[in-house]
């Protein structure tokens, strides 16, 4: 006898309970989760979660039944969500939905190594300043990054980039010859160190 086909995605019991509570408190106990991938930034996806009544679902939405629970999936997001698990992050205030998605990550092993340096060495440190750095691409020995939060527009950005980010990445991934910061620092709204007034 053939195995039953695996659902497109699954929702853990903890996540289902959180969604049900949210639907009930909103006065729509029959509402279901709808999910879409709204963007891809580097190797990571951004997700849009919503509650919808089944009668209000878009005609082309894909309906997924997982453990007796119904989820509506944006049709353009299907392949980027295949095999994902929606869970609850208890560490977040009030609990937040998270997505463990096997489709995220860098297929290029060199980019994956640079991402590992950012995740383990760099971003934890600059998070204390409200900042973060995203890897956008790796091409021809060049790592293209973008800074956000407290790093965007920060007066110390050159020091952070040259003495911190570049040194750490080149030490761990010697194939990287240079780092290019693509950030629009002029549009930073909350830099950790304010630039000097001209």
N, C-alpha and C. Protein backbone atom coordinates (compact mmCIF):
# COMPACT_ATOMS: atom_id res chain seq x y z
N UNK A 1 0.85 -1.18 0.00
CA UNK A 1 0.00 0.00 0.00
C UNK A 1 0.89 1.24 0.00
N UNK A 2 0.60 2.18 -0.88
CA UNK A 2 1.41 3.38 -1.02
C UNK A 2 1.22 4.29 0.19
N UNK A 3 2.30 4.99 0.55
CA UNK A 3 2.22 5.96 1.64
C UNK A 3 1.32 7.11 1.21
N UNK A 4 0.62 7.69 2.20
CA UNK A 4 -0.22 8.86 1.92
C UNK A 4 0.69 10.02 1.51
N UNK A 5 0.26 10.83 0.55
CA UNK A 5 1.09 11.96 0.14
C UNK A 5 1.28 12.95 1.28
N UNK A 6 2.48 13.48 1.37
CA UNK A 6 2.77 14.47 2.40
C UNK A 6 2.10 15.79 2.04
N UNK A 7 1.54 16.50 3.05
CA UNK A 7 0.93 17.79 2.75
C UNK A 7 2.00 18.79 2.31
N UNK A 8 1.57 19.81 1.62
CA UNK A 8 2.46 20.87 1.15
C UNK A 8 3.25 21.46 2.32
N UNK A 9 2.56 21.69 3.43
CA UNK A 9 3.20 22.20 4.64
C UNK A 9 2.45 21.65 5.84
N UNK A 10 3.01 21.83 7.01
CA UNK A 10 2.32 21.38 8.22
C UNK A 10 2.31 22.50 9.25
N UNK A 11 1.33 22.42 10.14
CA UNK A 11 1.17 23.39 11.22
C UNK A 11 1.18 22.61 12.52
N UNK A 12 2.08 22.96 13.42
CA UNK A 12 2.18 22.23 14.69
C UNK A 12 0.95 22.50 15.55
N UNK A 13 0.76 21.64 16.53
CA UNK A 13 -0.38 21.79 17.44
C UNK A 13 -0.30 23.12 18.19
N UNK A 14 0.90 23.53 18.59
CA UNK A 14 1.05 24.80 19.31
C UNK A 14 0.66 25.98 18.42
N UNK A 15 1.06 25.93 17.16
CA UNK A 15 0.70 27.02 16.24
C UNK A 15 -0.80 27.02 15.97
N UNK A 16 -1.40 25.83 15.81
CA UNK A 16 -2.84 25.76 15.57
C UNK A 16 -3.61 26.34 16.75
N UNK A 17 -3.15 26.06 17.97
CA UNK A 17 -3.83 26.59 19.15
C UNK A 17 -3.73 28.11 19.18
N UNK A 18 -2.56 28.66 18.83
CA UNK A 18 -2.37 30.11 18.82
C UNK A 18 -3.28 30.76 17.78
N UNK A 19 -3.35 30.17 16.60
CA UNK A 19 -4.18 30.71 15.52
C UNK A 19 -5.66 30.66 15.92
N UNK A 20 -6.07 29.55 16.51
CA UNK A 20 -7.48 29.40 16.94
C UNK A 20 -7.85 30.44 18.00
N UNK A 21 -6.94 30.68 18.93
CA UNK A 21 -7.20 31.70 19.96
C UNK A 21 -7.33 33.08 19.32
N UNK A 22 -6.45 33.38 18.37
CA UNK A 22 -6.50 34.68 17.70
C UNK A 22 -7.79 34.84 16.92
N UNK A 23 -8.22 33.78 16.22
CA UNK A 23 -9.46 33.84 15.44
C UNK A 23 -10.66 34.04 16.36
N UNK A 24 -10.69 33.31 17.47
CA UNK A 24 -11.81 33.43 18.41
C UNK A 24 -11.86 34.81 19.03
N UNK A 25 -10.68 35.35 19.44
CA UNK A 25 -10.68 36.67 20.08
C UNK A 25 -11.03 37.77 19.08
N UNK A 26 -10.83 37.52 17.79
CA UNK A 26 -11.20 38.49 16.76
C UNK A 26 -12.68 38.37 16.38
N UNK A 27 -13.39 37.40 16.99
CA UNK A 27 -14.80 37.22 16.70
C UNK A 27 -15.08 36.42 15.45
N UNK A 28 -14.05 35.69 14.96
CA UNK A 28 -14.20 34.87 13.76
C UNK A 28 -13.65 33.47 14.03
N UNK A 29 -14.33 32.70 14.87
CA UNK A 29 -13.78 31.39 15.27
C UNK A 29 -13.58 30.42 14.12
N UNK A 30 -14.26 30.63 12.98
CA UNK A 30 -14.09 29.72 11.85
C UNK A 30 -12.98 30.15 10.89
N UNK A 31 -12.33 31.29 11.19
CA UNK A 31 -11.29 31.80 10.29
C UNK A 31 -10.11 30.84 10.24
N UNK A 32 -9.46 30.81 9.11
CA UNK A 32 -8.31 29.94 8.88
C UNK A 32 -7.07 30.79 8.58
N UNK A 33 -5.93 30.17 8.73
CA UNK A 33 -4.68 30.85 8.41
C UNK A 33 -4.49 30.92 6.90
N UNK A 34 -4.02 32.09 6.44
CA UNK A 34 -3.56 32.23 5.05
C UNK A 34 -2.11 32.68 5.11
N UNK A 35 -1.27 32.08 4.28
CA UNK A 35 0.15 32.41 4.28
C UNK A 35 0.63 32.68 2.87
N UNK A 36 1.52 33.66 2.76
CA UNK A 36 2.15 33.98 1.49
C UNK A 36 3.59 34.35 1.75
N UNK A 37 4.45 34.04 0.80
CA UNK A 37 5.83 34.54 0.84
C UNK A 37 5.79 35.89 0.13
N UNK A 38 6.10 36.96 0.86
CA UNK A 38 5.96 38.30 0.29
C UNK A 38 7.24 38.82 -0.33
N UNK A 39 8.36 38.27 0.07
CA UNK A 39 9.63 38.76 -0.48
C UNK A 39 10.71 37.76 -0.17
N UNK A 40 11.77 37.85 -0.92
CA UNK A 40 12.97 37.10 -0.61
C UNK A 40 14.09 38.11 -0.47
N UNK A 41 14.78 38.09 0.66
CA UNK A 41 15.89 39.02 0.86
C UNK A 41 17.11 38.19 1.17
N UNK A 42 18.01 38.12 0.19
CA UNK A 42 19.13 37.21 0.36
C UNK A 42 18.60 35.79 0.38
N UNK A 43 18.98 35.03 1.40
CA UNK A 43 18.56 33.63 1.48
C UNK A 43 17.32 33.45 2.32
N UNK A 44 16.75 34.54 2.82
CA UNK A 44 15.61 34.42 3.72
C UNK A 44 14.35 34.96 3.06
N UNK A 45 13.22 34.38 3.49
CA UNK A 45 11.92 34.83 2.99
C UNK A 45 11.23 35.68 4.05
N UNK A 46 10.37 36.55 3.59
CA UNK A 46 9.46 37.27 4.48
C UNK A 46 8.08 36.69 4.24
N UNK A 47 7.32 36.54 5.32
CA UNK A 47 6.02 35.87 5.24
C UNK A 47 4.91 36.82 5.65
N UNK A 48 3.77 36.64 5.02
CA UNK A 48 2.57 37.38 5.40
C UNK A 48 1.55 36.37 5.92
N UNK A 49 1.19 36.52 7.19
CA UNK A 49 0.18 35.67 7.79
C UNK A 49 -1.12 36.46 7.92
N UNK A 50 -2.23 35.83 7.66
CA UNK A 50 -3.52 36.48 7.85
C UNK A 50 -4.57 35.46 8.25
N UNK A 51 -5.66 35.96 8.80
CA UNK A 51 -6.81 35.11 9.12
C UNK A 51 -7.91 35.45 8.14
N UNK A 52 -8.46 34.44 7.50
CA UNK A 52 -9.55 34.67 6.55
C UNK A 52 -10.67 33.66 6.79
N UNK A 53 -11.88 34.12 6.51
CA UNK A 53 -13.02 33.20 6.51
C UNK A 53 -12.94 32.38 5.22
N UNK A 54 -13.26 31.09 5.27
CA UNK A 54 -13.20 30.26 4.06
C UNK A 54 -13.96 30.87 2.88
N UNK A 55 -15.08 31.53 3.16
CA UNK A 55 -15.86 32.12 2.06
C UNK A 55 -15.14 33.28 1.40
N UNK A 56 -14.16 33.87 2.09
CA UNK A 56 -13.44 35.03 1.56
C UNK A 56 -12.13 34.67 0.89
N UNK A 57 -11.79 33.37 0.83
CA UNK A 57 -10.53 32.97 0.23
C UNK A 57 -10.52 33.30 -1.26
N UNK A 58 -9.35 33.65 -1.75
CA UNK A 58 -9.20 33.92 -3.19
C UNK A 58 -9.43 32.62 -3.96
N UNK A 59 -10.00 32.78 -5.14
CA UNK A 59 -10.37 31.60 -5.93
C UNK A 59 -9.18 30.70 -6.25
N UNK A 60 -8.00 31.29 -6.42
CA UNK A 60 -6.83 30.51 -6.81
C UNK A 60 -5.99 30.04 -5.63
N UNK A 61 -6.37 30.42 -4.41
CA UNK A 61 -5.61 29.96 -3.25
C UNK A 61 -5.59 28.44 -3.20
N UNK A 62 -4.48 27.89 -2.73
CA UNK A 62 -4.34 26.46 -2.57
C UNK A 62 -4.77 26.10 -1.14
N UNK A 63 -5.66 25.14 -1.02
CA UNK A 63 -6.15 24.71 0.29
C UNK A 63 -5.35 23.50 0.73
N UNK A 64 -4.74 23.61 1.92
CA UNK A 64 -3.93 22.53 2.46
C UNK A 64 -4.60 22.04 3.74
N UNK A 65 -4.87 20.74 3.81
CA UNK A 65 -5.40 20.12 5.03
C UNK A 65 -4.23 19.46 5.73
N UNK A 66 -3.95 19.89 6.95
CA UNK A 66 -2.84 19.32 7.71
C UNK A 66 -3.30 19.03 9.13
N UNK A 67 -3.30 17.76 9.48
CA UNK A 67 -3.75 17.32 10.80
C UNK A 67 -5.14 17.85 11.13
N UNK A 68 -6.03 17.82 10.15
CA UNK A 68 -7.39 18.28 10.37
C UNK A 68 -7.55 19.79 10.40
N UNK A 69 -6.51 20.49 10.04
CA UNK A 69 -6.55 21.96 10.05
C UNK A 69 -6.39 22.46 8.62
N UNK A 70 -7.14 23.50 8.27
CA UNK A 70 -7.12 24.03 6.92
C UNK A 70 -6.27 25.30 6.85
N UNK A 71 -5.36 25.34 5.86
CA UNK A 71 -4.53 26.51 5.61
C UNK A 71 -4.70 26.90 4.15
N UNK A 72 -4.80 28.21 3.92
CA UNK A 72 -4.86 28.73 2.55
C UNK A 72 -3.48 29.27 2.19
N UNK A 73 -3.00 28.88 1.01
CA UNK A 73 -1.66 29.26 0.57
C UNK A 73 -1.78 30.07 -0.71
N UNK A 74 -1.11 31.21 -0.72
CA UNK A 74 -1.03 32.02 -1.93
C UNK A 74 -0.44 31.17 -3.05
N UNK A 75 -1.09 31.09 -4.21
CA UNK A 75 -0.61 30.18 -5.26
C UNK A 75 0.80 30.48 -5.75
N UNK A 76 1.19 31.76 -5.71
CA UNK A 76 2.54 32.12 -6.17
C UNK A 76 3.61 31.68 -5.17
N UNK A 77 3.19 31.29 -3.95
CA UNK A 77 4.15 30.94 -2.90
C UNK A 77 4.30 29.43 -2.71
N UNK A 78 3.56 28.64 -3.46
CA UNK A 78 3.51 27.20 -3.21
C UNK A 78 4.89 26.56 -3.19
N UNK A 79 5.68 26.76 -4.24
CA UNK A 79 6.97 26.07 -4.31
C UNK A 79 7.94 26.56 -3.25
N UNK A 80 7.82 27.81 -2.86
CA UNK A 80 8.72 28.33 -1.82
C UNK A 80 8.30 27.88 -0.42
N UNK A 81 7.08 27.32 -0.29
CA UNK A 81 6.61 26.84 1.00
C UNK A 81 6.59 25.31 1.11
N UNK A 82 6.89 24.63 0.02
CA UNK A 82 6.79 23.18 0.03
C UNK A 82 7.71 22.56 1.08
N UNK A 83 7.13 21.78 1.99
CA UNK A 83 7.90 21.12 3.03
C UNK A 83 8.09 21.95 4.29
N UNK A 84 7.51 23.15 4.34
CA UNK A 84 7.70 24.04 5.50
C UNK A 84 6.83 23.60 6.68
N UNK A 85 7.27 23.99 7.87
CA UNK A 85 6.50 23.75 9.09
C UNK A 85 6.26 25.09 9.78
N UNK A 86 4.99 25.37 10.07
CA UNK A 86 4.63 26.57 10.81
C UNK A 86 4.53 26.18 12.27
N UNK A 87 5.29 26.89 13.10
CA UNK A 87 5.36 26.54 14.51
C UNK A 87 5.19 27.81 15.34
N UNK A 88 5.26 27.65 16.64
CA UNK A 88 5.12 28.77 17.57
C UNK A 88 6.44 28.99 18.28
N UNK A 89 6.91 30.23 18.27
CA UNK A 89 8.13 30.59 18.99
C UNK A 89 7.74 31.12 20.36
N UNK A 90 7.88 30.29 21.37
CA UNK A 90 7.49 30.68 22.73
C UNK A 90 8.40 31.76 23.30
N UNK A 91 9.60 31.92 22.74
CA UNK A 91 10.53 32.92 23.26
C UNK A 91 10.07 34.33 22.93
N UNK A 92 9.29 34.49 21.86
CA UNK A 92 8.79 35.81 21.49
C UNK A 92 7.67 36.21 22.43
N UNK A 93 7.56 37.50 22.70
CA UNK A 93 6.54 37.99 23.61
C UNK A 93 5.15 37.60 23.10
N UNK A 94 4.41 36.87 23.92
CA UNK A 94 3.07 36.44 23.53
C UNK A 94 3.06 35.27 22.57
N UNK A 95 4.23 34.82 22.15
CA UNK A 95 4.31 33.73 21.18
C UNK A 95 4.09 34.24 19.78
N UNK A 96 4.93 33.86 18.85
CA UNK A 96 4.83 34.32 17.47
C UNK A 96 4.97 33.14 16.53
N UNK A 97 4.28 33.20 15.41
CA UNK A 97 4.40 32.14 14.42
C UNK A 97 5.76 32.22 13.75
N UNK A 98 6.37 31.07 13.55
CA UNK A 98 7.63 31.00 12.83
C UNK A 98 7.49 29.97 11.71
N UNK A 99 8.36 30.06 10.73
CA UNK A 99 8.34 29.12 9.62
C UNK A 99 9.71 28.46 9.51
N UNK A 100 9.72 27.15 9.66
CA UNK A 100 10.94 26.37 9.40
C UNK A 100 10.81 25.89 7.96
N UNK A 101 11.59 26.51 7.08
CA UNK A 101 11.39 26.30 5.65
C UNK A 101 12.66 25.76 5.01
N UNK A 102 12.61 24.53 4.49
CA UNK A 102 13.81 23.96 3.87
C UNK A 102 14.20 24.64 2.57
N UNK A 103 13.34 25.51 2.04
CA UNK A 103 13.64 26.19 0.79
C UNK A 103 14.46 27.46 1.00
N UNK A 104 14.59 27.88 2.27
CA UNK A 104 15.44 29.02 2.55
C UNK A 104 16.89 28.55 2.63
N UNK A 105 17.79 29.48 2.48
CA UNK A 105 19.21 29.16 2.56
C UNK A 105 19.88 29.32 1.22
N UNK A 106 21.17 29.31 1.23
CA UNK A 106 21.95 29.52 0.02
C UNK A 106 22.32 28.20 -0.64
N UNK A 107 21.96 28.02 -1.92
CA UNK A 107 22.41 26.81 -2.60
C UNK A 107 23.91 26.83 -2.87
N UNK A 108 24.48 28.05 -2.97
CA UNK A 108 25.91 28.20 -3.20
C UNK A 108 26.65 27.99 -1.88
N UNK A 109 27.54 26.99 -1.77
CA UNK A 109 28.21 26.71 -0.50
C UNK A 109 29.07 27.88 0.00
N UNK A 110 29.62 28.68 -0.90
CA UNK A 110 30.42 29.82 -0.49
C UNK A 110 29.54 30.86 0.19
N UNK A 111 28.40 31.15 -0.40
CA UNK A 111 27.45 32.09 0.21
C UNK A 111 26.95 31.55 1.54
N UNK A 112 26.74 30.24 1.62
CA UNK A 112 26.27 29.63 2.87
C UNK A 112 27.30 29.82 3.98
N UNK A 113 28.58 29.74 3.65
CA UNK A 113 29.63 29.95 4.65
C UNK A 113 29.66 31.40 5.12
N UNK A 114 29.48 32.34 4.19
CA UNK A 114 29.43 33.75 4.57
C UNK A 114 28.22 34.01 5.47
N UNK A 115 27.08 33.42 5.10
CA UNK A 115 25.87 33.58 5.92
C UNK A 115 26.09 33.04 7.33
N UNK A 116 26.81 31.95 7.44
CA UNK A 116 27.09 31.37 8.75
C UNK A 116 27.91 32.33 9.62
N UNK A 117 28.87 33.03 9.01
CA UNK A 117 29.66 34.02 9.75
C UNK A 117 28.76 35.15 10.23
N UNK A 118 27.88 35.62 9.36
CA UNK A 118 26.96 36.68 9.75
C UNK A 118 26.06 36.22 10.90
N UNK A 119 25.51 35.02 10.78
CA UNK A 119 24.57 34.52 11.78
C UNK A 119 25.22 34.25 13.13
N UNK A 120 26.45 33.72 13.12
CA UNK A 120 27.07 33.27 14.37
C UNK A 120 27.99 34.30 15.01
N UNK A 121 28.65 35.13 14.19
CA UNK A 121 29.66 36.03 14.74
C UNK A 121 29.25 37.50 14.70
N UNK A 122 28.66 37.92 13.60
CA UNK A 122 28.46 39.36 13.40
C UNK A 122 27.11 39.85 13.90
N UNK A 123 26.03 39.26 13.42
CA UNK A 123 24.71 39.76 13.79
C UNK A 123 24.40 39.69 15.29
N UNK A 124 24.84 38.65 16.01
CA UNK A 124 24.58 38.68 17.45
C UNK A 124 25.22 39.88 18.15
N UNK A 125 26.40 40.31 17.68
CA UNK A 125 27.06 41.46 18.29
C UNK A 125 26.40 42.78 17.97
N UNK A 126 26.05 42.98 16.70
CA UNK A 126 25.46 44.27 16.34
C UNK A 126 23.98 44.35 16.69
N UNK A 127 23.39 43.20 17.04
CA UNK A 127 21.99 43.24 17.48
C UNK A 127 21.84 44.08 18.75
N UNK A 128 22.89 44.15 19.58
CA UNK A 128 22.83 44.96 20.79
C UNK A 128 22.73 46.45 20.47
N UNK A 129 23.07 46.82 19.24
CA UNK A 129 22.93 48.20 18.77
C UNK A 129 21.67 48.37 17.92
N UNK A 130 20.84 47.33 17.90
CA UNK A 130 19.62 47.39 17.10
C UNK A 130 19.87 47.21 15.62
N UNK A 131 21.04 46.67 15.26
CA UNK A 131 21.38 46.54 13.84
C UNK A 131 21.39 45.11 13.36
N UNK A 132 21.49 44.96 12.06
CA UNK A 132 21.63 43.64 11.44
C UNK A 132 22.25 43.83 10.06
N UNK A 133 22.81 42.74 9.55
CA UNK A 133 23.40 42.75 8.21
C UNK A 133 22.86 41.57 7.45
N UNK A 134 22.34 41.84 6.26
CA UNK A 134 21.83 40.79 5.37
C UNK A 134 22.84 40.54 4.26
N UNK A 135 23.02 39.29 3.92
CA UNK A 135 23.81 38.92 2.75
C UNK A 135 22.88 38.90 1.55
N UNK A 136 23.20 39.66 0.52
CA UNK A 136 22.36 39.71 -0.67
C UNK A 136 22.83 38.76 -1.76
N UNK A 137 24.16 38.64 -1.90
CA UNK A 137 24.68 37.82 -2.99
C UNK A 137 26.17 37.62 -2.78
N UNK A 138 26.71 36.57 -3.38
CA UNK A 138 28.15 36.36 -3.47
C UNK A 138 28.45 36.06 -4.92
N UNK A 139 29.35 36.87 -5.49
CA UNK A 139 29.66 36.68 -6.91
C UNK A 139 31.11 37.08 -7.17
N UNK A 140 31.87 36.22 -7.82
CA UNK A 140 33.26 36.49 -8.21
C UNK A 140 34.11 36.95 -7.03
N UNK A 141 33.94 36.29 -5.88
CA UNK A 141 34.75 36.61 -4.72
C UNK A 141 34.32 37.85 -3.97
N UNK A 142 33.17 38.41 -4.33
CA UNK A 142 32.67 39.61 -3.67
C UNK A 142 31.38 39.26 -2.94
N UNK A 143 31.30 39.65 -1.66
CA UNK A 143 30.07 39.47 -0.87
C UNK A 143 29.34 40.80 -0.83
N UNK A 144 28.09 40.80 -1.28
CA UNK A 144 27.27 42.01 -1.29
C UNK A 144 26.34 41.96 -0.08
N UNK A 145 26.42 43.01 0.74
CA UNK A 145 25.63 43.04 1.97
C UNK A 145 24.76 44.28 2.02
N UNK A 146 23.79 44.25 2.93
CA UNK A 146 22.97 45.42 3.20
C UNK A 146 22.77 45.50 4.71
N UNK A 147 22.95 46.70 5.24
CA UNK A 147 22.80 46.91 6.68
C UNK A 147 21.43 47.49 6.98
N UNK A 148 20.92 47.19 8.17
CA UNK A 148 19.62 47.72 8.56
C UNK A 148 19.58 48.04 10.04
N UNK A 149 18.46 48.59 10.48
CA UNK A 149 18.29 48.95 11.88
C UNK A 149 19.28 50.02 12.28
N UNK A 150 19.92 49.84 13.44
CA UNK A 150 20.85 50.82 13.96
C UNK A 150 22.11 50.98 13.14
N UNK A 151 22.38 50.04 12.21
CA UNK A 151 23.57 50.16 11.36
C UNK A 151 23.34 51.09 10.17
N UNK A 152 22.08 51.27 9.79
CA UNK A 152 21.79 52.07 8.60
C UNK A 152 21.92 53.55 8.93
N UNK A 153 22.94 54.18 8.36
CA UNK A 153 23.18 55.60 8.61
C UNK A 153 24.04 55.86 9.82
N UNK A 154 24.55 54.81 10.46
CA UNK A 154 25.37 54.97 11.67
C UNK A 154 26.70 55.63 11.31
N UNK A 155 27.16 56.54 12.18
CA UNK A 155 28.42 57.24 11.94
C UNK A 155 29.62 56.29 11.97
N UNK A 156 29.46 55.14 12.62
CA UNK A 156 30.57 54.18 12.75
C UNK A 156 30.49 53.06 11.71
N UNK A 157 29.70 53.25 10.67
CA UNK A 157 29.47 52.17 9.72
C UNK A 157 30.76 51.72 9.03
N UNK A 158 31.65 52.65 8.71
CA UNK A 158 32.90 52.26 8.03
C UNK A 158 33.78 51.42 8.95
N UNK A 159 33.81 51.78 10.23
CA UNK A 159 34.59 51.01 11.20
C UNK A 159 34.00 49.61 11.33
N UNK A 160 32.67 49.55 11.47
CA UNK A 160 32.00 48.25 11.59
C UNK A 160 32.29 47.38 10.38
N UNK A 161 32.20 48.00 9.20
CA UNK A 161 32.39 47.24 7.96
C UNK A 161 33.82 46.77 7.80
N UNK A 162 34.78 47.68 7.90
CA UNK A 162 36.18 47.34 7.59
C UNK A 162 36.89 46.58 8.71
N UNK A 163 36.63 46.97 9.98
CA UNK A 163 37.36 46.34 11.08
C UNK A 163 36.60 45.18 11.71
N UNK A 164 35.32 45.08 11.43
CA UNK A 164 34.53 44.00 12.01
C UNK A 164 34.08 42.99 10.98
N UNK A 165 33.17 43.42 10.13
CA UNK A 165 32.53 42.52 9.17
C UNK A 165 33.55 41.93 8.19
N UNK A 166 34.32 42.81 7.55
CA UNK A 166 35.25 42.34 6.53
C UNK A 166 36.31 41.42 7.12
N UNK A 167 36.85 41.79 8.27
CA UNK A 167 37.89 40.96 8.90
C UNK A 167 37.34 39.58 9.25
N UNK A 168 36.16 39.54 9.85
CA UNK A 168 35.58 38.25 10.26
C UNK A 168 35.26 37.37 9.06
N UNK A 169 34.67 37.96 8.03
CA UNK A 169 34.30 37.15 6.85
C UNK A 169 35.54 36.64 6.13
N UNK A 170 36.52 37.51 5.91
CA UNK A 170 37.73 37.07 5.18
C UNK A 170 38.52 36.03 5.96
N UNK A 171 38.50 36.13 7.30
CA UNK A 171 39.22 35.14 8.11
C UNK A 171 38.56 33.77 8.01
N UNK A 172 37.23 33.75 8.01
CA UNK A 172 36.50 32.47 7.97
C UNK A 172 36.33 31.94 6.56
N UNK A 173 36.25 32.84 5.59
CA UNK A 173 36.00 32.45 4.20
C UNK A 173 37.03 33.15 3.32
N UNK A 174 38.26 32.63 3.24
CA UNK A 174 39.32 33.33 2.52
C UNK A 174 39.07 33.52 1.03
N UNK A 175 38.10 32.78 0.48
CA UNK A 175 37.78 32.98 -0.94
C UNK A 175 37.12 34.33 -1.19
N UNK A 176 36.61 34.98 -0.13
CA UNK A 176 35.99 36.29 -0.29
C UNK A 176 37.09 37.34 -0.34
N UNK A 177 37.13 38.08 -1.44
CA UNK A 177 38.17 39.09 -1.64
C UNK A 177 37.76 40.47 -1.17
N UNK A 178 36.47 40.77 -1.23
CA UNK A 178 36.02 42.08 -0.77
C UNK A 178 34.55 42.02 -0.40
N UNK A 179 34.14 43.03 0.38
CA UNK A 179 32.76 43.18 0.83
C UNK A 179 32.23 44.49 0.26
N UNK A 180 31.07 44.45 -0.35
CA UNK A 180 30.45 45.67 -0.89
C UNK A 180 29.17 45.93 -0.12
N UNK A 181 29.11 47.11 0.50
CA UNK A 181 27.93 47.53 1.26
C UNK A 181 26.99 48.27 0.30
N UNK A 182 25.82 47.72 0.08
CA UNK A 182 24.85 48.32 -0.86
C UNK A 182 23.82 49.20 -0.15
N UNK A 183 24.00 49.41 1.15
CA UNK A 183 23.00 50.12 1.96
C UNK A 183 22.87 51.58 1.55
N UNK A 184 21.63 52.05 1.53
CA UNK A 184 21.36 53.49 1.37
C UNK A 184 21.41 54.09 2.78
N UNK A 185 22.59 54.52 3.19
CA UNK A 185 22.75 55.01 4.56
C UNK A 185 22.08 56.37 4.78
N UNK A 186 21.83 57.10 3.72
CA UNK A 186 21.18 58.41 3.87
C UNK A 186 19.74 58.27 4.35
N UNK A 187 19.13 57.11 4.11
CA UNK A 187 17.73 56.94 4.51
C UNK A 187 17.56 56.28 5.88
N UNK A 188 18.67 56.08 6.60
CA UNK A 188 18.58 55.50 7.93
C UNK A 188 17.82 56.42 8.87
N UNK A 189 16.87 55.86 9.62
CA UNK A 189 16.03 56.68 10.50
C UNK A 189 16.39 56.58 11.97
N UNK A 190 17.17 55.56 12.35
CA UNK A 190 17.47 55.39 13.77
C UNK A 190 18.89 54.84 13.97
N UNK A 191 19.91 55.56 13.46
CA UNK A 191 21.28 55.04 13.59
C UNK A 191 21.73 55.00 15.04
N UNK A 192 22.54 54.01 15.36
CA UNK A 192 23.00 53.85 16.75
C UNK A 192 23.90 55.02 17.15
N UNK A 193 24.84 55.38 16.27
CA UNK A 193 25.65 56.59 16.47
C UNK A 193 25.24 57.60 15.42
N UNK A 194 24.75 58.75 15.88
CA UNK A 194 24.29 59.78 14.93
C UNK A 194 25.47 60.37 14.19
N UNK A 195 25.33 60.58 12.86
CA UNK A 195 26.41 61.25 12.12
C UNK A 195 26.53 62.69 12.56
N UNK A 196 27.74 63.23 12.44
CA UNK A 196 27.97 64.65 12.80
C UNK A 196 27.19 65.54 11.86
N UNK A 197 26.66 66.63 12.40
CA UNK A 197 25.93 67.61 11.57
C UNK A 197 26.93 68.40 10.74
N UNK A 198 26.57 68.60 9.48
CA UNK A 198 27.46 69.36 8.60
C UNK A 198 27.04 70.81 8.58
